[in-house]
PDB file of N, CA and C in Angstrom:
ATOM      1  N   UNK A   1     -27.897 -16.638-102.592  1.00  0.00           N
ATOM      2  CA  UNK A   1     -28.741 -17.807-102.529  1.00  0.00           C
ATOM      3  C   UNK A   1     -29.240 -18.088-103.947  1.00  0.00           C
ATOM      4  N   UNK A   2     -29.029 -19.286-104.445  1.00  0.00           N
ATOM      5  CA  UNK A   2     -29.430 -19.652-105.796  1.00  0.00           C
ATOM      6  C   UNK A   2     -30.949 -19.742-105.885  1.00  0.00           C
ATOM      7  N   UNK A   3     -31.466 -19.634-107.100  1.00  0.00           N
ATOM      8  CA  UNK A   3     -32.910 -19.649-107.310  1.00  0.00           C
ATOM      9  C   UNK A   3     -33.548 -20.903-106.736  1.00  0.00           C
ATOM     10  N   UNK A   4     -32.976 -22.066-107.024  1.00  0.00           N
ATOM     11  CA  UNK A   4     -33.527 -23.330-106.529  1.00  0.00           C
ATOM     12  C   UNK A   4     -33.521 -23.360-105.001  1.00  0.00           C
ATOM     13  N   UNK A   5     -32.426 -22.905-104.391  1.00  0.00           N
ATOM     14  CA  UNK A   5     -32.341 -22.866-102.928  1.00  0.00           C
ATOM     15  C   UNK A   5     -33.378 -21.925-102.345  1.00  0.00           C
ATOM     16  N   UNK A   6     -33.580 -20.781-103.012  1.00  0.00           N
ATOM     17  CA  UNK A   6     -34.538 -19.790-102.535  1.00  0.00           C
ATOM     18  C   UNK A   6     -35.949 -20.367-102.560  1.00  0.00           C
ATOM     19  N   UNK A   7     -36.285 -21.136-103.614  1.00  0.00           N
ATOM     20  CA  UNK A   7     -37.601 -21.728-103.722  1.00  0.00           C
ATOM     21  C   UNK A   7     -37.835 -22.782-102.644  1.00  0.00           C
ATOM     22  N   UNK A   8     -36.773 -23.468-102.228  1.00  0.00           N
ATOM     23  CA  UNK A   8     -36.902 -24.537-101.257  1.00  0.00           C
ATOM     24  C   UNK A   8     -36.716 -24.058 -99.817  1.00  0.00           C
ATOM     25  N   UNK A   9     -36.261 -22.843 -99.632  1.00  0.00           N
ATOM     26  CA  UNK A   9     -36.016 -22.317 -98.297  1.00  0.00           C
ATOM     27  C   UNK A   9     -37.334 -22.132 -97.554  1.00  0.00           C
ATOM     28  N   UNK A  10     -37.288 -22.356 -96.259  1.00  0.00           N
ATOM     29  CA  UNK A  10     -38.480 -22.142 -95.449  1.00  0.00           C
ATOM     30  C   UNK A  10     -38.739 -20.642 -95.313  1.00  0.00           C
ATOM     31  N   UNK A  11     -39.915 -20.318 -94.852  1.00  0.00           N
ATOM     32  CA  UNK A  11     -40.259 -18.922 -94.628  1.00  0.00           C
ATOM     33  C   UNK A  11     -39.251 -18.286 -93.681  1.00  0.00           C
ATOM     34  N   UNK A  12     -38.919 -18.986 -92.620  1.00  0.00           N
ATOM     35  CA  UNK A  12     -37.999 -18.457 -91.619  1.00  0.00           C
ATOM     36  C   UNK A  12     -36.600 -18.250 -92.203  1.00  0.00           C
ATOM     37  N   UNK A  13     -36.144 -19.194 -93.024  1.00  0.00           N
ATOM     38  CA  UNK A  13     -34.842 -19.048 -93.666  1.00  0.00           C
ATOM     39  C   UNK A  13     -34.839 -17.850 -94.614  1.00  0.00           C
ATOM     40  N   UNK A  14     -35.919 -17.688 -95.339  1.00  0.00           N
ATOM     41  CA  UNK A  14     -36.023 -16.551 -96.250  1.00  0.00           C
ATOM     42  C   UNK A  14     -35.983 -15.235 -95.490  1.00  0.00           C
ATOM     43  N   UNK A  15     -36.673 -15.165 -94.372  1.00  0.00           N
ATOM     44  CA  UNK A  15     -36.693 -13.929 -93.589  1.00  0.00           C
ATOM     45  C   UNK A  15     -35.317 -13.637 -92.985  1.00  0.00           C
ATOM     46  N   UNK A  16     -34.615 -14.687 -92.569  1.00  0.00           N
ATOM     47  CA  UNK A  16     -33.263 -14.503 -92.032  1.00  0.00           C
ATOM     48  C   UNK A  16     -32.336 -13.950 -93.108  1.00  0.00           C
ATOM     49  N   UNK A  17     -32.410 -14.529 -94.300  1.00  0.00           N
ATOM     50  CA  UNK A  17     -31.581 -14.053 -95.412  1.00  0.00           C
ATOM     51  C   UNK A  17     -31.953 -12.623 -95.777  1.00  0.00           C
ATOM     52  N   UNK A  18     -33.234 -12.322 -95.792  1.00  0.00           N
ATOM     53  CA  UNK A  18     -33.689 -10.977 -96.114  1.00  0.00           C
ATOM     54  C   UNK A  18     -33.153  -9.964 -95.090  1.00  0.00           C
ATOM     55  N   UNK A  19     -33.148 -10.323 -93.834  1.00  0.00           N
ATOM     56  CA  UNK A  19     -32.614  -9.442 -92.797  1.00  0.00           C
ATOM     57  C   UNK A  19     -31.123  -9.173 -93.014  1.00  0.00           C
ATOM     58  N   UNK A  20     -30.387 -10.208 -93.402  1.00  0.00           N
ATOM     59  CA  UNK A  20     -28.953 -10.036 -93.677  1.00  0.00           C
ATOM     60  C   UNK A  20     -28.732  -9.111 -94.873  1.00  0.00           C
ATOM     61  N   UNK A  21     -29.565  -9.265 -95.888  1.00  0.00           N
ATOM     62  CA  UNK A  21     -29.459  -8.397 -97.065  1.00  0.00           C
ATOM     63  C   UNK A  21     -29.712  -6.948 -96.672  1.00  0.00           C
ATOM     64  N   UNK A  22     -30.731  -6.722 -95.875  1.00  0.00           N
ATOM     65  CA  UNK A  22     -31.052  -5.361 -95.430  1.00  0.00           C
ATOM     66  C   UNK A  22     -29.883  -4.771 -94.656  1.00  0.00           C
ATOM     67  N   UNK A  23     -29.293  -5.555 -93.767  1.00  0.00           N
ATOM     68  CA  UNK A  23     -28.128  -5.086 -93.002  1.00  0.00           C
ATOM     69  C   UNK A  23     -27.001  -4.653 -93.927  1.00  0.00           C
ATOM     70  N   UNK A  24     -26.716  -5.507 -94.919  1.00  0.00           N
ATOM     71  CA  UNK A  24     -25.628  -5.189 -95.850  1.00  0.00           C
ATOM     72  C   UNK A  24     -25.923  -3.918 -96.641  1.00  0.00           C
ATOM     73  N   UNK A  25     -27.148  -3.785 -97.099  1.00  0.00           N
ATOM     74  CA  UNK A  25     -27.507  -2.609 -97.890  1.00  0.00           C
ATOM     75  C   UNK A  25     -27.510  -1.331 -97.041  1.00  0.00           C
ATOM     76  N   UNK A  26     -27.929  -1.446 -95.792  1.00  0.00           N
ATOM     77  CA  UNK A  26     -27.968  -0.272 -94.914  1.00  0.00           C
ATOM     78  C   UNK A  26     -26.581   0.260 -94.582  1.00  0.00           C
ATOM     79  N   UNK A  27     -25.577  -0.609 -94.604  1.00  0.00           N
ATOM     80  CA  UNK A  27     -24.213  -0.148 -94.340  1.00  0.00           C
ATOM     81  C   UNK A  27     -23.768   0.852 -95.391  1.00  0.00           C
ATOM     82  N   UNK A  28     -24.217   0.645 -96.627  1.00  0.00           N
ATOM     83  CA  UNK A  28     -23.913   1.591 -97.698  1.00  0.00           C
ATOM     84  C   UNK A  28     -22.493   1.528 -98.227  1.00  0.00           C
ATOM     85  N   UNK A  29     -21.756   0.475 -97.931  1.00  0.00           N
ATOM     86  CA  UNK A  29     -20.367   0.403 -98.370  1.00  0.00           C
ATOM     87  C   UNK A  29     -20.134  -0.586 -99.516  1.00  0.00           C
ATOM     88  N   UNK A  30     -21.202  -1.070-100.123  1.00  0.00           N
ATOM     89  CA  UNK A  30     -21.066  -2.018-101.227  1.00  0.00           C
ATOM     90  C   UNK A  30     -21.006  -1.281-102.561  1.00  0.00           C
ATOM     91  N   UNK A  31     -20.325  -1.857-103.537  1.00  0.00           N
ATOM     92  CA  UNK A  31     -20.357  -1.282-104.883  1.00  0.00           C
ATOM     93  C   UNK A  31     -21.786  -1.340-105.431  1.00  0.00           C
ATOM     94  N   UNK A  32     -22.089  -0.453-106.351  1.00  0.00           N
ATOM     95  CA  UNK A  32     -23.436  -0.355-106.904  1.00  0.00           C
ATOM     96  C   UNK A  32     -23.935  -1.679-107.456  1.00  0.00           C
ATOM     97  N   UNK A  33     -23.110  -2.360-108.243  1.00  0.00           N
ATOM     98  CA  UNK A  33     -23.542  -3.623-108.847  1.00  0.00           C
ATOM     99  C   UNK A  33     -23.896  -4.666-107.786  1.00  0.00           C
ATOM    100  N   UNK A  34     -23.099  -4.763-106.745  1.00  0.00           N
ATOM    101  CA  UNK A  34     -23.376  -5.717-105.670  1.00  0.00           C
ATOM    102  C   UNK A  34     -24.655  -5.325-104.928  1.00  0.00           C
ATOM    103  N   UNK A  35     -24.838  -4.030-104.705  1.00  0.00           N
ATOM    104  CA  UNK A  35     -26.063  -3.554-104.059  1.00  0.00           C
ATOM    105  C   UNK A  35     -27.291  -3.912-104.883  1.00  0.00           C
ATOM    106  N   UNK A  36     -27.205  -3.754-106.186  1.00  0.00           N
ATOM    107  CA  UNK A  36     -28.334  -4.084-107.055  1.00  0.00           C
ATOM    108  C   UNK A  36     -28.642  -5.579-107.033  1.00  0.00           C
ATOM    109  N   UNK A  37     -27.607  -6.404-107.019  1.00  0.00           N
ATOM    110  CA  UNK A  37     -27.816  -7.856-106.954  1.00  0.00           C
ATOM    111  C   UNK A  37     -28.507  -8.236-105.649  1.00  0.00           C
ATOM    112  N   UNK A  38     -28.029  -7.660-104.550  1.00  0.00           N
ATOM    113  CA  UNK A  38     -28.642  -7.958-103.256  1.00  0.00           C
ATOM    114  C   UNK A  38     -30.074  -7.448-103.193  1.00  0.00           C
ATOM    115  N   UNK A  39     -30.312  -6.268-103.734  1.00  0.00           N
ATOM    116  CA  UNK A  39     -31.656  -5.708-103.745  1.00  0.00           C
ATOM    117  C   UNK A  39     -32.605  -6.621-104.527  1.00  0.00           C
ATOM    118  N   UNK A  40     -32.146  -7.089-105.683  1.00  0.00           N
ATOM    119  CA  UNK A  40     -32.962  -7.987-106.505  1.00  0.00           C
ATOM    120  C   UNK A  40     -33.279  -9.277-105.743  1.00  0.00           C
ATOM    121  N   UNK A  41     -32.272  -9.844-105.092  1.00  0.00           N
ATOM    122  CA  UNK A  41     -32.501 -11.049-104.304  1.00  0.00           C
ATOM    123  C   UNK A  41     -33.501 -10.779-103.188  1.00  0.00           C
ATOM    124  N   UNK A  42     -33.364  -9.633-102.548  1.00  0.00           N
ATOM    125  CA  UNK A  42     -34.284  -9.268-101.471  1.00  0.00           C
ATOM    126  C   UNK A  42     -35.718  -9.131-101.943  1.00  0.00           C
ATOM    127  N   UNK A  43     -35.905  -8.532-103.105  1.00  0.00           N
ATOM    128  CA  UNK A  43     -37.258  -8.392-103.660  1.00  0.00           C
ATOM    129  C   UNK A  43     -37.858  -9.766-103.938  1.00  0.00           C
ATOM    130  N   UNK A  44     -37.075 -10.662-104.512  1.00  0.00           N
ATOM    131  CA  UNK A  44     -37.562 -12.017-104.796  1.00  0.00           C
ATOM    132  C   UNK A  44     -37.918 -12.752-103.501  1.00  0.00           C
ATOM    133  N   UNK A  45     -37.066 -12.629-102.498  1.00  0.00           N
ATOM    134  CA  UNK A  45     -37.350 -13.268-101.212  1.00  0.00           C
ATOM    135  C   UNK A  45     -38.616 -12.692-100.589  1.00  0.00           C
ATOM    136  N   UNK A  46     -38.757 -11.390-100.661  1.00  0.00           N
ATOM    137  CA  UNK A  46     -39.930 -10.730-100.102  1.00  0.00           C
ATOM    138  C   UNK A  46     -41.209 -11.202-100.782  1.00  0.00           C
ATOM    139  N   UNK A  47     -41.181 -11.291-102.095  1.00  0.00           N
ATOM    140  CA  UNK A  47     -42.365 -11.756-102.839  1.00  0.00           C
ATOM    141  C   UNK A  47     -42.706 -13.198-102.489  1.00  0.00           C
ATOM    142  N   UNK A  48     -41.696 -14.045-102.422  1.00  0.00           N
ATOM    143  CA  UNK A  48     -41.924 -15.453-102.081  1.00  0.00           C
ATOM    144  C   UNK A  48     -42.487 -15.578-100.664  1.00  0.00           C
ATOM    145  N   UNK A  49     -41.953 -14.788 -99.743  1.00  0.00           N
ATOM    146  CA  UNK A  49     -42.439 -14.819 -98.365  1.00  0.00           C
ATOM    147  C   UNK A  49     -43.893 -14.347 -98.301  1.00  0.00           C
ATOM    148  N   UNK A  50     -44.230 -13.317 -99.057  1.00  0.00           N
ATOM    149  CA  UNK A  50     -45.603 -12.819 -99.070  1.00  0.00           C
ATOM    150  C   UNK A  50     -46.564 -13.860 -99.623  1.00  0.00           C
ATOM    151  N   UNK A  51     -46.126 -14.583-100.648  1.00  0.00           N
ATOM    152  CA  UNK A  51     -46.962 -15.652-101.207  1.00  0.00           C
ATOM    153  C   UNK A  51     -47.213 -16.740-100.161  1.00  0.00           C
ATOM    154  N   UNK A  52     -46.183 -17.077 -99.405  1.00  0.00           N
ATOM    155  CA  UNK A  52     -46.352 -18.084 -98.352  1.00  0.00           C
ATOM    156  C   UNK A  52     -47.288 -17.588 -97.256  1.00  0.00           C
ATOM    157  N   UNK A  53     -47.156 -16.325 -96.901  1.00  0.00           N
ATOM    158  CA  UNK A  53     -48.053 -15.758 -95.892  1.00  0.00           C
ATOM    159  C   UNK A  53     -49.492 -15.740 -96.388  1.00  0.00           C
ATOM    160  N   UNK A  54     -49.695 -15.378 -97.644  1.00  0.00           N
ATOM    161  CA  UNK A  54     -51.039 -15.361 -98.219  1.00  0.00           C
ATOM    162  C   UNK A  54     -51.661 -16.757 -98.194  1.00  0.00           C
ATOM    163  N   UNK A  55     -50.865 -17.766 -98.550  1.00  0.00           N
ATOM    164  CA  UNK A  55     -51.355 -19.144 -98.536  1.00  0.00           C
ATOM    165  C   UNK A  55     -51.717 -19.578 -97.116  1.00  0.00           C
ATOM    166  N   UNK A  56     -50.881 -19.214 -96.152  1.00  0.00           N
ATOM    167  CA  UNK A  56     -51.155 -19.564 -94.756  1.00  0.00           C
ATOM    168  C   UNK A  56     -52.424 -18.870 -94.274  1.00  0.00           C
ATOM    169  N   UNK A  57     -52.603 -17.619 -94.669  1.00  0.00           N
ATOM    170  CA  UNK A  57     -53.802 -16.876 -94.272  1.00  0.00           C
ATOM    171  C   UNK A  57     -55.055 -17.538 -94.836  1.00  0.00           C
ATOM    172  N   UNK A  58     -54.998 -17.988 -96.073  1.00  0.00           N
ATOM    173  CA  UNK A  58     -56.148 -18.664 -96.675  1.00  0.00           C
ATOM    174  C   UNK A  58     -56.495 -19.942 -95.915  1.00  0.00           C
ATOM    175  N   UNK A  59     -55.481 -20.675 -95.483  1.00  0.00           N
ATOM    176  CA  UNK A  59     -55.725 -21.897 -94.716  1.00  0.00           C
ATOM    177  C   UNK A  59     -56.381 -21.572 -93.380  1.00  0.00           C
ATOM    178  N   UNK A  60     -55.886 -20.537 -92.724  1.00  0.00           N
ATOM    179  CA  UNK A  60     -56.455 -20.138 -91.432  1.00  0.00           C
ATOM    180  C   UNK A  60     -57.903 -19.697 -91.621  1.00  0.00           C
ATOM    181  N   UNK A  61     -58.172 -18.943 -92.669  1.00  0.00           N
ATOM    182  CA  UNK A  61     -59.544 -18.500 -92.925  1.00  0.00           C
ATOM    183  C   UNK A  61     -60.472 -19.685 -93.167  1.00  0.00           C
ATOM    184  N   UNK A  62     -59.983 -20.720 -93.847  1.00  0.00           N
ATOM    185  CA  UNK A  62     -60.795 -21.926 -94.041  1.00  0.00           C
ATOM    186  C   UNK A  62     -61.086 -22.585 -92.700  1.00  0.00           C
ATOM    187  N   UNK A  63     -60.076 -22.645 -91.847  1.00  0.00           N
ATOM    188  CA  UNK A  63     -60.257 -23.285 -90.546  1.00  0.00           C
ATOM    189  C   UNK A  63     -61.235 -22.521 -89.661  1.00  0.00           C
ATOM    190  N   UNK A  64     -61.286 -21.220 -89.805  1.00  0.00           N
ATOM    191  CA  UNK A  64     -62.120 -20.396 -88.941  1.00  0.00           C
ATOM    192  C   UNK A  64     -63.480 -20.060 -89.539  1.00  0.00           C
ATOM    193  N   UNK A  65     -63.760 -20.530 -90.734  1.00  0.00           N
ATOM    194  CA  UNK A  65     -65.016 -20.163 -91.378  1.00  0.00           C
ATOM    195  C   UNK A  65     -66.197 -20.873 -90.728  1.00  0.00           C
ATOM    196  N   UNK A  66     -67.327 -20.170 -90.713  1.00  0.00           N
ATOM    197  CA  UNK A  66     -68.564 -20.707 -90.151  1.00  0.00           C
ATOM    198  C   UNK A  66     -69.701 -20.465 -91.138  1.00  0.00           C
ATOM    199  N   UNK A  67     -70.746 -21.288 -91.026  1.00  0.00           N
ATOM    200  CA  UNK A  67     -71.903 -21.112 -91.900  1.00  0.00           C
ATOM    201  C   UNK A  67     -72.880 -20.128 -91.262  1.00  0.00           C
ATOM    202  N   UNK A  68     -74.030 -19.955 -91.875  1.00  0.00           N
ATOM    203  CA  UNK A  68     -75.032 -18.988 -91.400  1.00  0.00           C
ATOM    204  C   UNK A  68     -75.539 -19.319 -89.997  1.00  0.00           C
ATOM    205  N   UNK A  69     -75.489 -20.590 -89.619  1.00  0.00           N
ATOM    206  CA  UNK A  69     -75.943 -20.995 -88.283  1.00  0.00           C
ATOM    207  C   UNK A  69     -74.817 -20.946 -87.242  1.00  0.00           C
ATOM    208  N   UNK A  70     -73.651 -20.507 -87.643  1.00  0.00           N
ATOM    209  CA  UNK A  70     -72.531 -20.412 -86.716  1.00  0.00           C
ATOM    210  C   UNK A  70     -71.767 -21.711 -86.534  1.00  0.00           C
ATOM    211  N   UNK A  71     -72.082 -22.712 -87.362  1.00  0.00           N
ATOM    212  CA  UNK A  71     -71.369 -23.985 -87.268  1.00  0.00           C
ATOM    213  C   UNK A  71     -70.125 -23.934 -88.151  1.00  0.00           C
ATOM    214  N   UNK A  72     -69.104 -24.588 -87.677  1.00  0.00           N
ATOM    215  CA  UNK A  72     -67.842 -24.598 -88.419  1.00  0.00           C
ATOM    216  C   UNK A  72     -68.022 -25.302 -89.754  1.00  0.00           C
ATOM    217  N   UNK A  73     -67.488 -24.685 -90.784  1.00  0.00           N
ATOM    218  CA  UNK A  73     -67.476 -25.313 -92.103  1.00  0.00           C
ATOM    219  C   UNK A  73     -66.217 -26.164 -92.194  1.00  0.00           C
ATOM    220  N   UNK A  74     -66.329 -27.281 -92.845  1.00  0.00           N
ATOM    221  CA  UNK A  74     -65.151 -28.116 -93.040  1.00  0.00           C
ATOM    222  C   UNK A  74     -64.948 -28.340 -94.527  1.00  0.00           C
ATOM    223  N   UNK A  75     -63.688 -28.381 -94.904  1.00  0.00           N
ATOM    224  CA  UNK A  75     -63.316 -28.644 -96.290  1.00  0.00           C
ATOM    225  C   UNK A  75     -61.921 -29.227 -96.282  1.00  0.00           C
ATOM    226  N   UNK A  76     -61.659 -30.188 -97.131  1.00  0.00           N
ATOM    227  CA  UNK A  76     -60.304 -30.752 -97.177  1.00  0.00           C
ATOM    228  C   UNK A  76     -59.321 -29.744 -97.735  1.00  0.00           C
ATOM    229  N   UNK A  77     -58.125 -29.772 -97.202  1.00  0.00           N
ATOM    230  CA  UNK A  77     -57.070 -28.906 -97.707  1.00  0.00           C
ATOM    231  C   UNK A  77     -56.501 -29.479 -98.982  1.00  0.00           C
ATOM    232  N   UNK A  78     -56.182 -28.604 -99.893  1.00  0.00           N
ATOM    233  CA  UNK A  78     -55.453 -29.019-101.082  1.00  0.00           C
ATOM    234  C   UNK A  78     -53.988 -28.812-100.772  1.00  0.00           C
ATOM    235  N   UNK A  79     -53.242 -29.898-100.707  1.00  0.00           N
ATOM    236  CA  UNK A  79     -51.830 -29.791-100.367  1.00  0.00           C
ATOM    237  C   UNK A  79     -50.979 -29.867-101.620  1.00  0.00           C
ATOM    238  N   UNK A  80     -49.774 -29.325-101.497  1.00  0.00           N
ATOM    239  CA  UNK A  80     -48.823 -29.405-102.583  1.00  0.00           C
ATOM    240  C   UNK A  80     -47.648 -30.237-102.110  1.00  0.00           C
ATOM    241  N   UNK A  81     -46.815 -30.646-103.060  1.00  0.00           N
ATOM    242  CA  UNK A  81     -45.673 -31.492-102.731  1.00  0.00           C
ATOM    243  C   UNK A  81     -44.648 -30.805-101.857  1.00  0.00           C
ATOM    244  N   UNK A  82     -44.595 -29.455-101.887  1.00  0.00           N
ATOM    245  CA  UNK A  82     -43.556 -28.752-101.139  1.00  0.00           C
ATOM    246  C   UNK A  82     -43.943 -28.497 -99.688  1.00  0.00           C
ATOM    247  N   UNK A  83     -45.131 -28.872 -99.277  1.00  0.00           N
ATOM    248  CA  UNK A  83     -45.543 -28.670 -97.891  1.00  0.00           C
ATOM    249  C   UNK A  83     -45.030 -29.814 -97.040  1.00  0.00           C
ATOM    250  N   UNK A  84     -44.634 -29.452 -95.831  1.00  0.00           N
ATOM    251  CA  UNK A  84     -44.149 -30.449 -94.890  1.00  0.00           C
ATOM    252  C   UNK A  84     -45.299 -30.863 -93.996  1.00  0.00           C
ATOM    253  N   UNK A  85     -45.359 -32.082 -93.531  1.00  0.00           N
ATOM    254  CA  UNK A  85     -46.430 -32.543 -92.667  1.00  0.00           C
ATOM    255  C   UNK A  85     -46.419 -31.847 -91.326  1.00  0.00           C
TER     256      UNK A  85
END
C-alpha cells in the first residue's frame, strides 16, 4: 500500500491490511527483506490507526463531558478536510 493510499485509507481498511500483513509474517516463509518491508508497513498502519482512535476518543470525551452541576458541556467540533460527514 503506497504512502498516499495509506493516509487516505479508512480505519477499517487499515485494520484489514494490517491483519493480512500479520498473516503473511506469521507464516514465516517470506525472505527477510520482504518481511522487513511488511513489518515497516504494519508499524505505520498501526500508528495511523492509533492516531485515529485517539482522535475518536477525544471526540467522545467532548460529547460526554459535564460541568460541575452535571449539565452537558457543549463545544463545536474542529473538523479537518479528511473527515467524512
